[in-house]
N, C-alpha and C. Protein backbone atom coordinates (compact mmCIF):
# COMPACT_ATOMS: atom_id res chain seq x y z
N MET A 1 20.80 -26.86 5.63
CA MET A 1 20.80 -26.48 7.03
C MET A 1 22.21 -26.12 7.48
N LYS A 2 23.18 -26.86 6.96
CA LYS A 2 24.56 -26.60 7.32
C LYS A 2 24.98 -25.20 6.86
N THR A 3 24.56 -24.81 5.65
CA THR A 3 24.89 -23.50 5.12
C THR A 3 24.30 -22.40 5.99
N PHE A 4 23.05 -22.57 6.44
CA PHE A 4 22.38 -21.60 7.29
C PHE A 4 23.14 -21.41 8.60
N ALA A 5 23.60 -22.48 9.19
CA ALA A 5 24.35 -22.40 10.44
C ALA A 5 25.66 -21.64 10.23
N ILE A 6 26.33 -21.89 9.12
CA ILE A 6 27.58 -21.20 8.83
C ILE A 6 27.32 -19.71 8.66
N LEU A 7 26.23 -19.36 7.95
CA LEU A 7 25.89 -17.95 7.77
C LEU A 7 25.62 -17.27 9.10
N LEU A 8 24.93 -17.95 9.99
CA LEU A 8 24.66 -17.38 11.31
C LEU A 8 25.96 -17.12 12.08
N LEU A 9 26.89 -18.06 12.00
CA LEU A 9 28.17 -17.88 12.68
C LEU A 9 28.95 -16.71 12.09
N LEU A 10 28.94 -16.59 10.76
CA LEU A 10 29.65 -15.49 10.11
C LEU A 10 29.02 -14.15 10.47
N ALA A 11 27.70 -14.10 10.52
CA ALA A 11 27.01 -12.85 10.87
C ALA A 11 27.35 -12.44 12.29
N GLY A 12 27.41 -13.40 13.18
CA GLY A 12 27.76 -13.10 14.57
C GLY A 12 29.20 -12.63 14.71
N ALA A 13 30.08 -13.24 13.95
CA ALA A 13 31.49 -12.88 14.03
C ALA A 13 31.75 -11.50 13.43
N ALA A 14 30.97 -11.14 12.43
CA ALA A 14 31.17 -9.86 11.76
C ALA A 14 30.57 -8.69 12.54
N GLY A 15 29.74 -8.97 13.50
CA GLY A 15 29.06 -7.90 14.23
C GLY A 15 27.75 -7.54 13.54
N VAL A 16 26.95 -6.80 14.24
CA VAL A 16 25.65 -6.42 13.71
C VAL A 16 25.65 -4.93 13.42
N ALA A 17 25.29 -4.58 12.21
CA ALA A 17 25.22 -3.16 11.83
C ALA A 17 23.84 -2.63 12.15
N GLU A 18 23.79 -1.43 12.66
CA GLU A 18 22.51 -0.79 12.95
C GLU A 18 22.13 0.11 11.79
N ILE A 19 20.91 -0.03 11.34
CA ILE A 19 20.41 0.77 10.22
C ILE A 19 19.27 1.64 10.72
N THR A 20 19.35 2.93 10.44
CA THR A 20 18.28 3.85 10.80
C THR A 20 17.60 4.31 9.52
N LEU A 21 16.34 4.00 9.37
CA LEU A 21 15.59 4.40 8.19
C LEU A 21 15.03 5.80 8.38
N PRO A 22 14.87 6.54 7.27
CA PRO A 22 14.29 7.88 7.40
C PRO A 22 12.81 7.80 7.78
N ASP A 23 12.30 8.86 8.35
CA ASP A 23 10.89 8.92 8.71
C ASP A 23 10.02 8.88 7.46
N GLU A 24 8.84 8.32 7.58
CA GLU A 24 7.87 8.27 6.48
C GLU A 24 7.36 9.69 6.22
N THR A 25 7.42 10.12 4.99
CA THR A 25 6.96 11.46 4.66
C THR A 25 5.78 11.46 3.69
N ALA A 26 5.53 10.35 3.03
CA ALA A 26 4.41 10.29 2.08
C ALA A 26 3.11 10.04 2.83
N ALA A 27 2.03 10.51 2.25
CA ALA A 27 0.70 10.31 2.84
C ALA A 27 -0.32 10.24 1.72
N TYR A 28 -1.41 9.54 1.97
CA TYR A 28 -2.52 9.56 1.01
C TYR A 28 -3.09 10.97 0.98
N LYS A 29 -3.40 11.44 -0.21
CA LYS A 29 -3.91 12.81 -0.36
C LYS A 29 -5.26 12.91 0.34
N PRO A 30 -5.41 13.88 1.22
CA PRO A 30 -6.67 14.02 1.95
C PRO A 30 -7.80 14.55 1.07
N THR A 31 -8.99 14.09 1.36
CA THR A 31 -10.21 14.61 0.75
C THR A 31 -11.23 14.76 1.86
N LEU A 32 -12.31 15.41 1.57
CA LEU A 32 -13.35 15.61 2.58
C LEU A 32 -14.30 14.43 2.69
N CYS A 33 -14.19 13.48 1.78
CA CYS A 33 -15.15 12.37 1.78
C CYS A 33 -14.69 11.22 2.67
N GLN A 34 -15.61 10.37 3.02
CA GLN A 34 -15.37 9.24 3.91
C GLN A 34 -14.39 8.23 3.29
N SER A 35 -14.33 8.18 1.97
CA SER A 35 -13.48 7.18 1.31
C SER A 35 -12.00 7.38 1.64
N HIS A 36 -11.58 8.60 1.88
CA HIS A 36 -10.19 8.86 2.27
C HIS A 36 -9.90 8.15 3.59
N GLN A 37 -10.80 8.26 4.54
CA GLN A 37 -10.60 7.61 5.83
C GLN A 37 -10.59 6.09 5.70
N LEU A 38 -11.42 5.55 4.80
CA LEU A 38 -11.42 4.10 4.57
C LEU A 38 -10.06 3.64 4.06
N VAL A 39 -9.49 4.39 3.13
CA VAL A 39 -8.18 4.04 2.59
C VAL A 39 -7.12 4.14 3.69
N LEU A 40 -7.17 5.18 4.50
CA LEU A 40 -6.22 5.30 5.61
C LEU A 40 -6.35 4.11 6.56
N ASN A 41 -7.56 3.77 6.92
CA ASN A 41 -7.79 2.70 7.88
C ASN A 41 -7.42 1.32 7.34
N ASN A 42 -7.58 1.13 6.03
CA ASN A 42 -7.42 -0.22 5.48
C ASN A 42 -6.12 -0.43 4.71
N CYS A 43 -5.69 0.53 3.96
CA CYS A 43 -4.52 0.33 3.10
C CYS A 43 -3.20 0.51 3.86
N LEU A 44 -3.18 1.46 4.80
CA LEU A 44 -1.93 1.72 5.52
C LEU A 44 -1.53 0.59 6.47
N LEU A 45 -2.40 -0.35 6.68
CA LEU A 45 -2.03 -1.50 7.51
C LEU A 45 -0.91 -2.30 6.87
N CYS A 46 -0.89 -2.31 5.53
CA CYS A 46 0.11 -3.11 4.81
C CYS A 46 0.99 -2.31 3.87
N HIS A 47 0.51 -1.15 3.40
CA HIS A 47 1.21 -0.40 2.37
C HIS A 47 1.58 1.00 2.83
N LEU A 48 2.70 1.47 2.35
CA LEU A 48 3.02 2.88 2.46
C LEU A 48 2.19 3.63 1.42
N ALA A 49 2.02 4.89 1.60
CA ALA A 49 1.24 5.69 0.65
C ALA A 49 1.88 5.69 -0.74
N GLN A 50 3.17 5.48 -0.81
CA GLN A 50 3.84 5.46 -2.11
C GLN A 50 3.28 4.39 -3.03
N TYR A 51 2.71 3.33 -2.48
CA TYR A 51 2.18 2.26 -3.33
C TYR A 51 1.15 2.81 -4.30
N ALA A 52 0.24 3.64 -3.83
CA ALA A 52 -0.77 4.24 -4.71
C ALA A 52 -0.13 5.29 -5.61
N GLN A 53 0.83 6.00 -5.10
CA GLN A 53 1.44 7.10 -5.85
C GLN A 53 2.25 6.63 -7.05
N VAL A 54 2.76 5.43 -7.03
CA VAL A 54 3.59 4.94 -8.13
C VAL A 54 2.80 4.14 -9.16
N GLN A 55 1.51 4.00 -8.97
CA GLN A 55 0.70 3.30 -9.97
C GLN A 55 0.51 4.22 -11.17
N PRO A 56 0.30 3.64 -12.36
CA PRO A 56 0.13 4.48 -13.55
C PRO A 56 -1.04 5.44 -13.42
N ARG A 57 -0.82 6.71 -13.73
CA ARG A 57 -1.86 7.73 -13.64
C ARG A 57 -3.02 7.45 -14.60
N SER A 58 -2.77 6.65 -15.61
CA SER A 58 -3.82 6.32 -16.59
C SER A 58 -4.67 5.13 -16.16
N SER A 59 -4.44 4.63 -14.94
CA SER A 59 -5.17 3.45 -14.47
C SER A 59 -6.66 3.74 -14.35
N PRO A 60 -7.50 2.97 -15.06
CA PRO A 60 -8.94 3.20 -14.98
C PRO A 60 -9.52 2.62 -13.68
N ARG A 61 -10.75 2.94 -13.45
CA ARG A 61 -11.46 2.44 -12.26
C ARG A 61 -11.38 0.92 -12.16
N SER A 62 -11.48 0.24 -13.30
CA SER A 62 -11.44 -1.23 -13.30
C SER A 62 -10.11 -1.75 -12.75
N TYR A 63 -9.02 -1.05 -13.02
CA TYR A 63 -7.71 -1.42 -12.48
C TYR A 63 -7.72 -1.32 -10.96
N TRP A 64 -8.23 -0.20 -10.45
CA TRP A 64 -8.25 0.01 -9.00
C TRP A 64 -9.19 -0.99 -8.33
N GLU A 65 -10.31 -1.28 -8.98
CA GLU A 65 -11.24 -2.26 -8.40
C GLU A 65 -10.58 -3.64 -8.32
N ALA A 66 -9.92 -4.04 -9.38
CA ALA A 66 -9.24 -5.34 -9.37
C ALA A 66 -8.14 -5.37 -8.31
N THR A 67 -7.44 -4.27 -8.16
CA THR A 67 -6.35 -4.20 -7.17
C THR A 67 -6.90 -4.30 -5.75
N VAL A 68 -7.95 -3.55 -5.45
CA VAL A 68 -8.53 -3.58 -4.10
C VAL A 68 -9.11 -4.97 -3.80
N LYS A 69 -9.79 -5.55 -4.77
CA LYS A 69 -10.35 -6.89 -4.57
C LYS A 69 -9.25 -7.93 -4.39
N LYS A 70 -8.13 -7.74 -5.09
CA LYS A 70 -7.00 -8.66 -4.94
C LYS A 70 -6.42 -8.57 -3.53
N MET A 71 -6.43 -7.37 -2.96
CA MET A 71 -5.91 -7.23 -1.60
C MET A 71 -6.79 -8.00 -0.60
N LYS A 72 -8.08 -8.03 -0.88
CA LYS A 72 -9.02 -8.76 0.00
C LYS A 72 -8.91 -10.26 -0.22
N LYS A 73 -9.00 -10.67 -1.47
CA LYS A 73 -8.91 -12.08 -1.84
C LYS A 73 -7.99 -12.16 -3.03
N PRO A 74 -6.89 -12.74 -2.97
CA PRO A 74 -6.44 -13.79 -2.08
C PRO A 74 -5.56 -13.33 -0.92
N PHE A 75 -5.18 -12.02 -0.86
CA PHE A 75 -4.20 -11.60 0.14
C PHE A 75 -4.75 -11.47 1.56
N GLY A 76 -6.06 -11.44 1.71
CA GLY A 76 -6.65 -11.48 3.04
C GLY A 76 -6.78 -10.17 3.79
N ALA A 77 -6.81 -9.04 3.08
CA ALA A 77 -7.02 -7.76 3.76
C ALA A 77 -8.37 -7.79 4.48
N GLN A 78 -8.41 -7.22 5.65
CA GLN A 78 -9.59 -7.29 6.51
C GLN A 78 -10.44 -6.03 6.42
N PHE A 79 -11.14 -5.83 5.31
CA PHE A 79 -12.08 -4.73 5.21
C PHE A 79 -13.39 -5.27 4.65
N ALA A 80 -14.46 -4.55 4.90
CA ALA A 80 -15.79 -4.99 4.50
C ALA A 80 -15.99 -4.87 3.00
N ASP A 81 -16.70 -5.82 2.42
CA ASP A 81 -17.00 -5.78 0.98
C ASP A 81 -17.71 -4.49 0.61
N GLU A 82 -18.57 -3.99 1.49
CA GLU A 82 -19.32 -2.78 1.16
C GLU A 82 -18.44 -1.52 1.14
N ASP A 83 -17.22 -1.61 1.65
CA ASP A 83 -16.29 -0.48 1.60
C ASP A 83 -15.53 -0.41 0.27
N ILE A 84 -15.55 -1.47 -0.50
CA ILE A 84 -14.76 -1.53 -1.74
C ILE A 84 -15.13 -0.41 -2.71
N PRO A 85 -16.41 -0.17 -3.03
CA PRO A 85 -16.71 0.89 -4.00
C PRO A 85 -16.19 2.26 -3.59
N ALA A 86 -16.28 2.61 -2.33
CA ALA A 86 -15.80 3.92 -1.88
C ALA A 86 -14.27 4.00 -1.96
N MET A 87 -13.59 2.93 -1.60
CA MET A 87 -12.14 2.93 -1.67
C MET A 87 -11.68 3.02 -3.13
N VAL A 88 -12.34 2.29 -4.00
CA VAL A 88 -12.01 2.32 -5.43
C VAL A 88 -12.25 3.72 -6.00
N ALA A 89 -13.35 4.35 -5.62
CA ALA A 89 -13.66 5.69 -6.11
C ALA A 89 -12.55 6.67 -5.70
N TYR A 90 -12.13 6.61 -4.46
CA TYR A 90 -11.06 7.48 -3.98
C TYR A 90 -9.79 7.26 -4.79
N LEU A 91 -9.37 6.01 -4.93
CA LEU A 91 -8.12 5.72 -5.62
C LEU A 91 -8.18 6.12 -7.10
N ALA A 92 -9.30 5.86 -7.75
CA ALA A 92 -9.44 6.21 -9.17
C ALA A 92 -9.45 7.73 -9.37
N LYS A 93 -10.08 8.45 -8.45
CA LYS A 93 -10.20 9.90 -8.60
C LYS A 93 -8.94 10.65 -8.16
N VAL A 94 -8.23 10.11 -7.20
CA VAL A 94 -7.06 10.82 -6.68
C VAL A 94 -5.77 10.36 -7.36
N TYR A 95 -5.67 9.07 -7.71
CA TYR A 95 -4.43 8.54 -8.26
C TYR A 95 -4.57 7.96 -9.66
N GLY A 96 -5.76 7.83 -10.16
CA GLY A 96 -5.96 7.16 -11.44
C GLY A 96 -6.45 8.05 -12.55
N ALA A 97 -7.06 7.43 -13.54
CA ALA A 97 -7.49 8.11 -14.76
C ALA A 97 -8.60 9.13 -14.54
N GLU A 98 -9.30 9.04 -13.40
CA GLU A 98 -10.40 9.97 -13.13
C GLU A 98 -9.93 11.25 -12.42
N LYS A 99 -8.62 11.34 -12.21
CA LYS A 99 -8.06 12.53 -11.56
C LYS A 99 -8.35 13.75 -12.42
N PRO A 100 -8.89 14.82 -11.84
CA PRO A 100 -9.16 16.04 -12.63
C PRO A 100 -7.89 16.61 -13.23
N LYS A 101 -8.01 17.15 -14.40
CA LYS A 101 -6.86 17.78 -15.07
C LYS A 101 -6.63 19.15 -14.43
N PRO A 102 -5.36 19.54 -14.24
CA PRO A 102 -5.08 20.85 -13.61
C PRO A 102 -5.46 22.02 -14.50
């Protein structure tokens, strides 16, 4: 506790620096299906779109299903169980192993 108080005093004495972060430019890739909207409504509450973009492109559907279920339990994401298959389908097809080859 003593160390914390000293750090607070030092921070106050040094002044406070203002940091301006750049605007968010990444977005989930749009599709015409409802699953895109489910991902927007549910995933963006906690994650930037980059989270899906940096996952391995070879990730199979089972990987995305485990990831989405992990967000619900134990992390407590508030989306309906019946939305999971559609969200998983979107993520697997747009960011995972089911992505069409160019």
